[in-house]
């Protein structure tokens, strides 16, 4: 099995589109609450602008299984 491109402990946020253009967002409990307004703004843009790409750091493709 290939190694993940950016290994983490599964504690990082995921904000991306699934192949059928639906949004996928990891839960934001605990420390994520302080980022809610910034994440919400980005999610709104991601939902209405098909050309918009969220920062690569948050994309699901950082995991080899979804590359």
C-alpha atoms as a PDB file:
ATOM      1  CA  UNK A   1       0.000   0.000   0.000  1.00  0.00           C
ATOM      2  CA  UNK A   2       1.477   3.404  -0.911  1.00  0.00           C
ATOM      3  CA  UNK A   3       2.325   5.819   1.851  1.00  0.00           C
ATOM      4  CA  UNK A   4       0.127   8.834   2.369  1.00  0.00           C
ATOM      5  CA  UNK A   5       1.375  12.018   0.740  1.00  0.00           C
ATOM      6  CA  UNK A   6       1.022  13.966   3.965  1.00  0.00           C
ATOM      7  CA  UNK A   7       0.838  11.560   6.858  1.00  0.00           C
ATOM      8  CA  UNK A   8      -1.091  12.702   9.888  1.00  0.00           C
ATOM      9  CA  UNK A   9      -2.916  11.076  12.765  1.00  0.00           C
ATOM     10  CA  UNK A  10      -6.329  11.724  11.250  1.00  0.00           C
ATOM     11  CA  UNK A  11      -6.633  14.887  13.322  1.00  0.00           C
ATOM     12  CA  UNK A  12      -6.391  17.340  10.427  1.00  0.00           C
ATOM     13  CA  UNK A  13      -9.413  18.956   8.805  1.00  0.00           C
ATOM     14  CA  UNK A  14     -10.699  17.601   5.495  1.00  0.00           C
ATOM     15  CA  UNK A  15     -12.465  20.030   3.178  1.00  0.00           C
ATOM     16  CA  UNK A  16     -12.917  18.857  -0.392  1.00  0.00           C
ATOM     17  CA  UNK A  17     -15.326  17.659  -3.068  1.00  0.00           C
ATOM     18  CA  UNK A  18     -16.213  14.038  -3.542  1.00  0.00           C
ATOM     19  CA  UNK A  19     -15.963  12.956  -7.203  1.00  0.00           C
ATOM     20  CA  UNK A  20     -19.686  13.588  -7.755  1.00  0.00           C
ATOM     21  CA  UNK A  21     -19.174  17.229  -6.654  1.00  0.00           C
ATOM     22  CA  UNK A  22     -20.698  16.816  -3.204  1.00  0.00           C
ATOM     23  CA  UNK A  23     -18.814  18.481  -0.387  1.00  0.00           C
ATOM     24  CA  UNK A  24     -16.979  16.440   2.194  1.00  0.00           C
ATOM     25  CA  UNK A  25     -16.030  18.099   5.457  1.00  0.00           C
ATOM     26  CA  UNK A  26     -14.568  16.488   8.548  1.00  0.00           C
ATOM     27  CA  UNK A  27     -16.213  17.194  11.908  1.00  0.00           C
ATOM     28  CA  UNK A  28     -15.080  20.315  13.688  1.00  0.00           C
ATOM     29  CA  UNK A  29     -15.640  19.561  17.328  1.00  0.00           C
ATOM     30  CA  UNK A  30     -13.351  20.932  19.993  1.00  0.00           C
ATOM     31  CA  UNK A  31     -10.507  22.971  18.532  1.00  0.00           C
ATOM     32  CA  UNK A  32     -12.329  23.380  15.231  1.00  0.00           C
ATOM     33  CA  UNK A  33     -14.957  25.659  16.747  1.00  0.00           C
ATOM     34  CA  UNK A  34     -12.612  28.631  16.657  1.00  0.00           C
ATOM     35  CA  UNK A  35     -12.256  28.190  12.887  1.00  0.00           C
ATOM     36  CA  UNK A  36     -15.993  27.896  12.168  1.00  0.00           C
ATOM     37  CA  UNK A  37     -16.495  31.322  10.578  1.00  0.00           C
ATOM     38  CA  UNK A  38     -13.454  31.035   8.286  1.00  0.00           C
ATOM     39  CA  UNK A  39     -14.308  27.460   7.300  1.00  0.00           C
ATOM     40  CA  UNK A  40     -17.951  28.405   6.692  1.00  0.00           C
ATOM     41  CA  UNK A  41     -16.915  31.171   4.321  1.00  0.00           C
ATOM     42  CA  UNK A  42     -14.700  28.790   2.355  1.00  0.00           C
ATOM     43  CA  UNK A  43     -17.407  26.106   2.284  1.00  0.00           C
ATOM     44  CA  UNK A  44     -19.951  28.548   0.908  1.00  0.00           C
ATOM     45  CA  UNK A  45     -17.603  29.422  -1.924  1.00  0.00           C
ATOM     46  CA  UNK A  46     -16.786  25.766  -2.535  1.00  0.00           C
ATOM     47  CA  UNK A  47     -20.522  25.012  -2.737  1.00  0.00           C
ATOM     48  CA  UNK A  48     -21.376  27.696  -5.290  1.00  0.00           C
ATOM     49  CA  UNK A  49     -18.195  27.969  -7.390  1.00  0.00           C
ATOM     50  CA  UNK A  50     -17.341  24.721  -9.218  1.00  0.00           C
ATOM     51  CA  UNK A  51     -13.909  26.072 -10.203  1.00  0.00           C
ATOM     52  CA  UNK A  52     -12.902  26.936  -6.623  1.00  0.00           C
ATOM     53  CA  UNK A  53     -10.334  24.654  -5.030  1.00  0.00           C
ATOM     54  CA  UNK A  54      -9.720  24.618  -1.311  1.00  0.00           C
ATOM     55  CA  UNK A  55      -6.106  24.698  -0.157  1.00  0.00           C
ATOM     56  CA  UNK A  56      -4.269  21.429  -0.975  1.00  0.00           C
ATOM     57  CA  UNK A  57      -3.421  20.920   2.675  1.00  0.00           C
ATOM     58  CA  UNK A  58      -7.106  20.191   3.376  1.00  0.00           C
ATOM     59  CA  UNK A  59      -7.859  18.094   0.288  1.00  0.00           C
ATOM     60  CA  UNK A  60      -8.734  14.430   0.521  1.00  0.00           C
ATOM     61  CA  UNK A  61      -6.078  13.637  -2.082  1.00  0.00           C
ATOM     62  CA  UNK A  62      -3.421  13.972   0.604  1.00  0.00           C
ATOM     63  CA  UNK A  63      -4.367  10.381   1.419  1.00  0.00           C
ATOM     64  CA  UNK A  64      -3.143   7.855  -1.137  1.00  0.00           C
ATOM     65  CA  UNK A  65      -6.428   5.932  -1.107  1.00  0.00           C
ATOM     66  CA  UNK A  66      -8.182   8.968  -2.601  1.00  0.00           C
ATOM     67  CA  UNK A  67      -5.505  10.168  -5.030  1.00  0.00           C
END
